[in-house]
Amino acid sequence: MPEVSQKQIDGRNFERRPITTHKVMFGEDLRGVISQYAAEFLTPTSVICLSEKFVTICQNNVRHIDDVKDSWLARLIVKYVTKYPNDIGYSHPKKMQCAIDLAGYPRMIAAVVGGGFTKVFLKRRGDFYRIAGHRISEIDGFNPEAMKPFDEYAMLPPLRPNETCEEIAQAFGCHCYIIDGNNINVEVIGISRDFAKVGLDKANLRLLMLDNPMGQNDELTPIFVLTEIDHL
């Protein structure tokens, strides 16, 4: 059973409550799942944090591995991407092909050339993703260690992430954001309006989940409810 944890940010203390769900499948109703499992914990000052993959699965914005044909460019690029332990990253050519299909061949070739130049000569990382654009860094999937059947799917970036967060916030009368989290980094990729009312911004929200308490395996905790408390 996932445990409630606490986190301090800028002298403020927050409870982080993991919400366990069933194995959510493609095309399920996002709002319905949140209502079923998290509604009882929500107040007007609550913050709902959603996993990017959870949102993408509900939106059915995925590609099956058999539907992706890797190209010469995908096979070339994966030879030079940075490899991380316990993280497939972009070392899978079909995952790289999903990025190419989003950004287009000219943009990806420019990203390879430009990103390689700045990495070698300026010692600067990340330009490959910035030049490619199209949120390709958010693509997940084709991970053989993922739960079935998700090991056979690429999860594309959530559609309309800010608007989706705002719709959830309006539906439940609180605040909402989406994170792309893994064992390397956590990024905020969608956020509802009016977070200023609770004195939080993207930087604070990222720090609240920087240790990736949602996990990477079969935790089934794609929703967290964050609540400010008086003490740790």
C-alpha atoms as a PDB file:
ATOM      1  CA  MET A   1       0.000   0.000   0.000  1.00  0.00           C
ATOM      2  CA  PRO A   2       1.617   3.316  -1.045  1.00  0.00           C
ATOM      3  CA  GLU A   3       2.302   5.586   1.895  1.00  0.00           C
ATOM      4  CA  VAL A   4       1.385   9.225   2.403  1.00  0.00           C
ATOM      5  CA  SER A   5       4.557  11.315   2.521  1.00  0.00           C
ATOM      6  CA  GLN A   6       5.412  14.906   3.362  1.00  0.00           C
ATOM      7  CA  LYS A   7       7.570  17.481   1.606  1.00  0.00           C
ATOM      8  CA  GLN A   8       8.787  20.949   2.561  1.00  0.00           C
ATOM      9  CA  ILE A   9       9.131  23.667  -0.092  1.00  0.00           C
ATOM     10  CA  ASP A  10      10.205  27.230   0.755  1.00  0.00           C
ATOM     11  CA  GLY A  11       9.267  26.707   4.403  1.00  0.00           C
ATOM     12  CA  ARG A  12       5.805  25.367   3.531  1.00  0.00           C
ATOM     13  CA  ASN A  13       4.816  21.814   4.384  1.00  0.00           C
ATOM     14  CA  PHE A  14       2.772  19.591   2.089  1.00  0.00           C
ATOM     15  CA  GLU A  15       1.189  16.182   2.440  1.00  0.00           C
ATOM     16  CA  ARG A  16       1.523  14.026  -0.674  1.00  0.00           C
ATOM     17  CA  ARG A  17      -1.192  11.400  -0.857  1.00  0.00           C
ATOM     18  CA  PRO A  18      -0.807   8.684  -3.521  1.00  0.00           C
ATOM     19  CA  ILE A  19      -4.103   7.584  -5.028  1.00  0.00           C
ATOM     20  CA  THR A  20      -4.163   3.938  -6.048  1.00  0.00           C
ATOM     21  CA  THR A  21      -6.327   3.102  -9.073  1.00  0.00           C
ATOM     22  CA  HIS A  22      -7.086   0.045 -11.153  1.00  0.00           C
ATOM     23  CA  LYS A  23      -4.958  -0.538 -14.246  1.00  0.00           C
ATOM     24  CA  VAL A  24      -6.308   2.303 -16.352  1.00  0.00           C
ATOM     25  CA  MET A  25      -6.649   1.330 -20.008  1.00  0.00           C
ATOM     26  CA  PHE A  26      -6.735   3.186 -23.300  1.00  0.00           C
ATOM     27  CA  GLY A  27      -9.623   5.592 -23.762  1.00  0.00           C
ATOM     28  CA  GLU A  28     -10.940   5.527 -20.186  1.00  0.00           C
ATOM     29  CA  ASP A  29     -12.596   8.672 -18.878  1.00  0.00           C
ATOM     30  CA  LEU A  30      -9.933  10.759 -17.145  1.00  0.00           C
ATOM     31  CA  ARG A  31     -12.399  12.745 -15.077  1.00  0.00           C
ATOM     32  CA  GLY A  32     -14.272   9.589 -14.141  1.00  0.00           C
ATOM     33  CA  VAL A  33     -11.160   7.851 -12.814  1.00  0.00           C
ATOM     34  CA  ILE A  34     -10.204  10.896 -10.742  1.00  0.00           C
ATOM     35  CA  SER A  35     -13.739  11.124  -9.372  1.00  0.00           C
ATOM     36  CA  GLN A  36     -13.831   7.423  -8.497  1.00  0.00           C
ATOM     37  CA  TYR A  37     -10.589   7.344  -6.536  1.00  0.00           C
ATOM     38  CA  ALA A  38      -9.593  10.861  -5.460  1.00  0.00           C
ATOM     39  CA  ALA A  39     -12.741  12.950  -4.984  1.00  0.00           C
ATOM     40  CA  GLU A  40     -13.073  12.182  -1.265  1.00  0.00           C
ATOM     41  CA  PHE A  41      -9.659  13.743  -0.551  1.00  0.00           C
ATOM     42  CA  LEU A  42     -10.181  17.007  -2.460  1.00  0.00           C
ATOM     43  CA  THR A  43     -10.786  20.482  -1.030  1.00  0.00           C
ATOM     44  CA  PRO A  44     -10.715  23.915  -2.726  1.00  0.00           C
ATOM     45  CA  THR A  45      -7.020  24.280  -1.815  1.00  0.00           C
ATOM     46  CA  SER A  46      -6.041  20.781  -2.941  1.00  0.00           C
ATOM     47  CA  VAL A  47      -3.641  20.217  -5.815  1.00  0.00           C
ATOM     48  CA  ILE A  48      -4.163  17.233  -8.108  1.00  0.00           C
ATOM     49  CA  CYS A  49      -0.948  15.956  -9.682  1.00  0.00           C
ATOM     50  CA  LEU A  50      -1.389  13.619 -12.651  1.00  0.00           C
ATOM     51  CA  SER A  51       1.052  11.310 -14.395  1.00  0.00           C
ATOM     52  CA  GLU A  52       1.675  12.171 -18.032  1.00  0.00           C
ATOM     53  CA  LYS A  53       1.250   8.522 -19.044  1.00  0.00           C
ATOM     54  CA  PHE A  54      -2.079   8.320 -17.218  1.00  0.00           C
ATOM     55  CA  VAL A  55      -3.420  11.312 -19.156  1.00  0.00           C
ATOM     56  CA  THR A  56      -2.059  10.021 -22.466  1.00  0.00           C
ATOM     57  CA  ILE A  57      -3.587   6.578 -21.937  1.00  0.00           C
ATOM     58  CA  CYS A  58      -6.985   8.101 -21.174  1.00  0.00           C
ATOM     59  CA  GLN A  59      -6.666  10.235 -24.314  1.00  0.00           C
ATOM     60  CA  ASN A  60      -5.664   7.102 -26.269  1.00  0.00           C
ATOM     61  CA  ASN A  61      -2.764   9.074 -27.739  1.00  0.00           C
ATOM     62  CA  VAL A  62      -0.531   6.034 -28.217  1.00  0.00           C
ATOM     63  CA  ARG A  63       1.156   3.963 -30.933  1.00  0.00           C
ATOM     64  CA  HIS A  64       1.612   0.200 -30.955  1.00  0.00           C
ATOM     65  CA  ILE A  65       5.106  -1.048 -31.689  1.00  0.00           C
ATOM     66  CA  ASP A  66       3.910  -3.037 -34.714  1.00  0.00           C
ATOM     67  CA  ASP A  67       2.565   0.155 -36.300  1.00  0.00           C
ATOM     68  CA  VAL A  68       5.924   1.963 -36.158  1.00  0.00           C
ATOM     69  CA  LYS A  69       8.473   1.346 -38.929  1.00  0.00           C
ATOM     70  CA  ASP A  70      11.898   2.607 -37.905  1.00  0.00           C
ATOM     71  CA  SER A  71      13.836   4.487 -40.588  1.00  0.00           C
ATOM     72  CA  TRP A  72      17.539   4.839 -41.357  1.00  0.00           C
ATOM     73  CA  LEU A  73      17.498   8.164 -39.520  1.00  0.00           C
ATOM     74  CA  ALA A  74      16.038   6.630 -36.361  1.00  0.00           C
ATOM     75  CA  ARG A  75      18.613   3.829 -36.400  1.00  0.00           C
ATOM     76  CA  LEU A  76      21.406   6.353 -36.936  1.00  0.00           C
ATOM     77  CA  ILE A  77      20.362   8.725 -34.148  1.00  0.00           C
ATOM     78  CA  VAL A  78      19.998   6.048 -31.469  1.00  0.00           C
ATOM     79  CA  LYS A  79      23.667   5.145 -31.866  1.00  0.00           C
ATOM     80  CA  TYR A  80      24.620   8.496 -30.358  1.00  0.00           C
ATOM     81  CA  VAL A  81      21.990   9.211 -27.719  1.00  0.00           C
ATOM     82  CA  THR A  82      23.015   9.234 -24.063  1.00  0.00           C
ATOM     83  CA  LYS A  83      22.261   5.906 -22.361  1.00  0.00           C
ATOM     84  CA  TYR A  84      21.078   5.798 -18.740  1.00  0.00           C
ATOM     85  CA  PRO A  85      21.011   2.748 -16.444  1.00  0.00           C
ATOM     86  CA  ASN A  86      17.486   1.345 -15.934  1.00  0.00           C
ATOM     87  CA  ASP A  87      16.008   3.799 -18.457  1.00  0.00           C
ATOM     88  CA  ILE A  88      15.397   2.885 -22.085  1.00  0.00           C
ATOM     89  CA  GLY A  89      15.337   6.552 -23.103  1.00  0.00           C
ATOM     90  CA  TYR A  90      15.690   7.005 -26.845  1.00  0.00           C
ATOM     91  CA  SER A  91      17.917   3.957 -27.316  1.00  0.00           C
ATOM     92  CA  HIS A  92      14.990   2.171 -29.027  1.00  0.00           C
ATOM     93  CA  PRO A  93      14.861   3.063 -32.755  1.00  0.00           C
ATOM     94  CA  LYS A  94      11.073   2.771 -32.915  1.00  0.00           C
ATOM     95  CA  LYS A  95      10.710   5.251 -30.069  1.00  0.00           C
ATOM     96  CA  MET A  96      13.036   7.601 -31.950  1.00  0.00           C
ATOM     97  CA  GLN A  97      10.879   7.073 -35.032  1.00  0.00           C
ATOM     98  CA  CYS A  98       7.856   8.305 -33.077  1.00  0.00           C
ATOM     99  CA  ALA A  99       9.808  11.499 -32.402  1.00  0.00           C
ATOM    100  CA  ILE A 100      10.720  11.814 -36.086  1.00  0.00           C
ATOM    101  CA  ASP A 101       7.089  11.360 -37.075  1.00  0.00           C
ATOM    102  CA  LEU A 102       6.088  14.186 -34.720  1.00  0.00           C
ATOM    103  CA  ALA A 103       8.842  16.646 -35.610  1.00  0.00           C
ATOM    104  CA  GLY A 104       9.434  15.745 -39.258  1.00  0.00           C
ATOM    105  CA  TYR A 105      12.638  14.655 -40.967  1.00  0.00           C
ATOM    106  CA  PRO A 106      14.073  18.145 -41.717  1.00  0.00           C
ATOM    107  CA  ARG A 107      13.580  19.296 -38.133  1.00  0.00           C
ATOM    108  CA  MET A 108      15.114  16.126 -36.699  1.00  0.00           C
ATOM    109  CA  ILE A 109      18.136  16.312 -38.998  1.00  0.00           C
ATOM    110  CA  ALA A 110      18.629  19.938 -37.920  1.00  0.00           C
ATOM    111  CA  ALA A 111      18.333  18.825 -34.288  1.00  0.00           C
ATOM    112  CA  VAL A 112      20.976  16.129 -34.756  1.00  0.00           C
ATOM    113  CA  VAL A 113      23.407  18.537 -36.433  1.00  0.00           C
ATOM    114  CA  GLY A 114      22.736  21.502 -34.132  1.00  0.00           C
ATOM    115  CA  GLY A 115      22.517  19.462 -30.963  1.00  0.00           C
ATOM    116  CA  GLY A 116      25.680  17.566 -31.798  1.00  0.00           C
ATOM    117  CA  PHE A 117      27.581  20.785 -32.500  1.00  0.00           C
ATOM    118  CA  THR A 118      26.630  22.488 -29.232  1.00  0.00           C
ATOM    119  CA  LYS A 119      27.234  19.296 -27.242  1.00  0.00           C
ATOM    120  CA  VAL A 120      30.767  18.843 -28.619  1.00  0.00           C
ATOM    121  CA  PHE A 121      31.957  22.438 -28.951  1.00  0.00           C
ATOM    122  CA  LEU A 122      29.926  24.311 -26.335  1.00  0.00           C
ATOM    123  CA  LYS A 123      29.610  21.431 -23.844  1.00  0.00           C
ATOM    124  CA  ARG A 124      25.890  22.161 -23.697  1.00  0.00           C
ATOM    125  CA  ARG A 125      23.281  19.423 -23.499  1.00  0.00           C
ATOM    126  CA  GLY A 126      19.603  19.457 -24.406  1.00  0.00           C
ATOM    127  CA  ASP A 127      19.733  21.411 -27.673  1.00  0.00           C
ATOM    128  CA  PHE A 128      18.723  18.316 -29.634  1.00  0.00           C
ATOM    129  CA  TYR A 129      15.328  18.346 -27.902  1.00  0.00           C
ATOM    130  CA  ARG A 130      14.975  22.121 -28.056  1.00  0.00           C
ATOM    131  CA  ILE A 131      15.672  22.234 -31.787  1.00  0.00           C
ATOM    132  CA  ALA A 132      13.431  19.254 -32.552  1.00  0.00           C
ATOM    133  CA  GLY A 133      10.565  20.796 -30.575  1.00  0.00           C
ATOM    134  CA  HIS A 134       7.126  19.190 -30.700  1.00  0.00           C
ATOM    135  CA  ARG A 135       7.594  18.019 -27.077  1.00  0.00           C
ATOM    136  CA  ILE A 136       9.462  14.910 -28.219  1.00  0.00           C
ATOM    137  CA  SER A 137      11.171  14.623 -24.832  1.00  0.00           C
ATOM    138  CA  GLU A 138       7.766  13.684 -23.401  1.00  0.00           C
ATOM    139  CA  ILE A 139       7.404  10.544 -25.515  1.00  0.00           C
ATOM    140  CA  ASP A 140       7.479   7.421 -23.368  1.00  0.00           C
ATOM    141  CA  GLY A 141       7.206   3.737 -24.006  1.00  0.00           C
ATOM    142  CA  PHE A 142       8.467   0.562 -25.672  1.00  0.00           C
ATOM    143  CA  ASN A 143       9.928  -0.312 -22.296  1.00  0.00           C
ATOM    144  CA  PRO A 144      10.146  -4.111 -21.887  1.00  0.00           C
ATOM    145  CA  GLU A 145       9.951  -3.722 -18.103  1.00  0.00           C
ATOM    146  CA  ALA A 146       6.621  -1.856 -18.185  1.00  0.00           C
ATOM    147  CA  MET A 147       3.332  -3.501 -17.246  1.00  0.00           C
ATOM    148  CA  LYS A 148       1.630  -5.384 -20.035  1.00  0.00           C
ATOM    149  CA  PRO A 149       0.238  -4.328 -22.444  1.00  0.00           C
ATOM    150  CA  PHE A 150       1.977  -0.950 -22.050  1.00  0.00           C
ATOM    151  CA  ASP A 151       5.380  -2.458 -22.863  1.00  0.00           C
ATOM    152  CA  GLU A 152       4.205  -2.627 -26.481  1.00  0.00           C
ATOM    153  CA  TYR A 153       3.093   1.009 -26.759  1.00  0.00           C
ATOM    154  CA  ALA A 154       4.660   4.431 -27.158  1.00  0.00           C
ATOM    155  CA  MET A 155       2.928   7.094 -25.094  1.00  0.00           C
ATOM    156  CA  LEU A 156       2.857  10.342 -27.053  1.00  0.00           C
ATOM    157  CA  PRO A 157       2.729  13.756 -25.332  1.00  0.00           C
ATOM    158  CA  PRO A 158      -0.679  14.492 -23.754  1.00  0.00           C
ATOM    159  CA  LEU A 159      -2.980  16.526 -25.957  1.00  0.00           C
ATOM    160  CA  ARG A 160      -3.794  20.069 -24.777  1.00  0.00           C
ATOM    161  CA  PRO A 161      -2.082  19.603 -21.382  1.00  0.00           C
ATOM    162  CA  ASN A 162      -2.855  23.064 -19.963  1.00  0.00           C
ATOM    163  CA  GLU A 163      -6.464  22.923 -21.124  1.00  0.00           C
ATOM    164  CA  THR A 164      -6.836  19.402 -19.724  1.00  0.00           C
ATOM    165  CA  CYS A 165      -5.548  20.586 -16.340  1.00  0.00           C
ATOM    166  CA  GLU A 166      -7.950  23.510 -16.365  1.00  0.00           C
ATOM    167  CA  GLU A 167     -10.882  21.229 -17.195  1.00  0.00           C
ATOM    168  CA  ILE A 168      -9.987  18.955 -14.269  1.00  0.00           C
ATOM    169  CA  ALA A 169      -9.514  21.936 -11.949  1.00  0.00           C
ATOM    170  CA  GLN A 170     -12.917  23.334 -12.898  1.00  0.00           C
ATOM    171  CA  ALA A 171     -14.611  19.953 -12.542  1.00  0.00           C
ATOM    172  CA  PHE A 172     -13.289  19.342  -9.021  1.00  0.00           C
ATOM    173  CA  GLY A 173     -12.980  22.908  -7.745  1.00  0.00           C
ATOM    174  CA  CYS A 174      -9.260  22.780  -6.998  1.00  0.00           C
ATOM    175  CA  HIS A 175      -5.933  22.963  -8.871  1.00  0.00           C
ATOM    176  CA  CYS A 176      -4.275  20.504 -11.240  1.00  0.00           C
ATOM    177  CA  TYR A 177      -0.996  19.846 -13.014  1.00  0.00           C
ATOM    178  CA  ILE A 178       0.644  17.096 -15.071  1.00  0.00           C
ATOM    179  CA  ILE A 179       4.202  15.845 -14.654  1.00  0.00           C
ATOM    180  CA  ASP A 180       6.535  13.864 -16.857  1.00  0.00           C
ATOM    181  CA  GLY A 181       8.466  11.934 -14.229  1.00  0.00           C
ATOM    182  CA  ASN A 182      11.111   9.237 -14.382  1.00  0.00           C
ATOM    183  CA  ASN A 183      14.186   8.137 -12.464  1.00  0.00           C
ATOM    184  CA  ILE A 184      16.271  10.815 -14.212  1.00  0.00           C
ATOM    185  CA  ASN A 185      14.163  13.961 -13.928  1.00  0.00           C
ATOM    186  CA  VAL A 186      10.692  15.405 -13.374  1.00  0.00           C
ATOM    187  CA  GLU A 187       9.156  18.182 -15.469  1.00  0.00           C
ATOM    188  CA  VAL A 188       5.821  20.001 -15.273  1.00  0.00           C
ATOM    189  CA  ILE A 189       4.165  19.770 -18.697  1.00  0.00           C
ATOM    190  CA  GLY A 190       0.683  21.093 -17.960  1.00  0.00           C
ATOM    191  CA  ILE A 191      -0.825  23.396 -15.364  1.00  0.00           C
ATOM    192  CA  SER A 192      -4.225  24.890 -14.581  1.00  0.00           C
ATOM    193  CA  ARG A 193      -4.753  28.600 -14.061  1.00  0.00           C
ATOM    194  CA  ASP A 194      -4.956  30.420 -10.723  1.00  0.00           C
ATOM    195  CA  PHE A 195      -2.114  28.608  -8.948  1.00  0.00           C
ATOM    196  CA  ALA A 196      -1.122  32.059  -7.697  1.00  0.00           C
ATOM    197  CA  LYS A 197      -4.109  31.825  -5.342  1.00  0.00           C
ATOM    198  CA  VAL A 198      -2.266  29.127  -3.399  1.00  0.00           C
ATOM    199  CA  GLY A 199       1.146  30.732  -3.865  1.00  0.00           C
ATOM    200  CA  LEU A 200       2.638  28.041  -6.116  1.00  0.00           C
ATOM    201  CA  ASP A 201       4.326  28.176  -9.503  1.00  0.00           C
ATOM    202  CA  LYS A 202       5.827  25.626 -11.897  1.00  0.00           C
ATOM    203  CA  ALA A 203       9.148  25.602 -10.066  1.00  0.00           C
ATOM    204  CA  ASN A 204       7.472  24.856  -6.709  1.00  0.00           C
ATOM    205  CA  LEU A 205       5.251  22.192  -8.239  1.00  0.00           C
ATOM    206  CA  ARG A 206       8.219  20.471  -9.845  1.00  0.00           C
ATOM    207  CA  LEU A 207      10.126  20.416  -6.546  1.00  0.00           C
ATOM    208  CA  LEU A 208       7.126  18.910  -4.766  1.00  0.00           C
ATOM    209  CA  MET A 209       7.401  15.803  -6.965  1.00  0.00           C
ATOM    210  CA  LEU A 210      11.099  15.871  -7.862  1.00  0.00           C
ATOM    211  CA  ASP A 211      11.810  12.524  -6.181  1.00  0.00           C
ATOM    212  CA  ASN A 212       9.175  10.964  -8.467  1.00  0.00           C
ATOM    213  CA  PRO A 213       7.019   9.366  -5.739  1.00  0.00           C
ATOM    214  CA  MET A 214       4.651   8.047  -8.423  1.00  0.00           C
ATOM    215  CA  GLY A 215       7.320   5.491  -9.255  1.00  0.00           C
ATOM    216  CA  GLN A 216       8.333   3.809 -12.492  1.00  0.00           C
ATOM    217  CA  ASN A 217       6.977   0.296 -12.136  1.00  0.00           C
ATOM    218  CA  ASP A 218       3.556  -1.163 -11.273  1.00  0.00           C
ATOM    219  CA  GLU A 219       2.623   1.136  -8.378  1.00  0.00           C
ATOM    220  CA  LEU A 220      -0.746   2.087  -9.956  1.00  0.00           C
ATOM    221  CA  THR A 221      -0.560   5.549  -8.361  1.00  0.00           C
ATOM    222  CA  PRO A 222      -0.986   7.912 -11.343  1.00  0.00           C
ATOM    223  CA  ILE A 223      -2.749  10.513  -9.173  1.00  0.00           C
ATOM    224  CA  PHE A 224      -1.379  12.396  -6.175  1.00  0.00           C
ATOM    225  CA  VAL A 225      -3.342  14.804  -3.998  1.00  0.00           C
ATOM    226  CA  LEU A 226      -1.143  17.514  -2.473  1.00  0.00           C
ATOM    227  CA  THR A 227      -2.384  19.393   0.579  1.00  0.00           C
ATOM    228  CA  GLU A 228      -0.610  22.091   2.566  1.00  0.00           C
ATOM    229  CA  ILE A 229      -0.304  21.233   6.256  1.00  0.00           C
ATOM    230  CA  ASP A 230       1.000  23.034   9.324  1.00  0.00           C
ATOM    231  CA  HIS A 231       3.854  20.736  10.295  1.00  0.00           C
ATOM    232  CA  LEU A 232       6.180  17.997   9.122  1.00  0.00           C
END
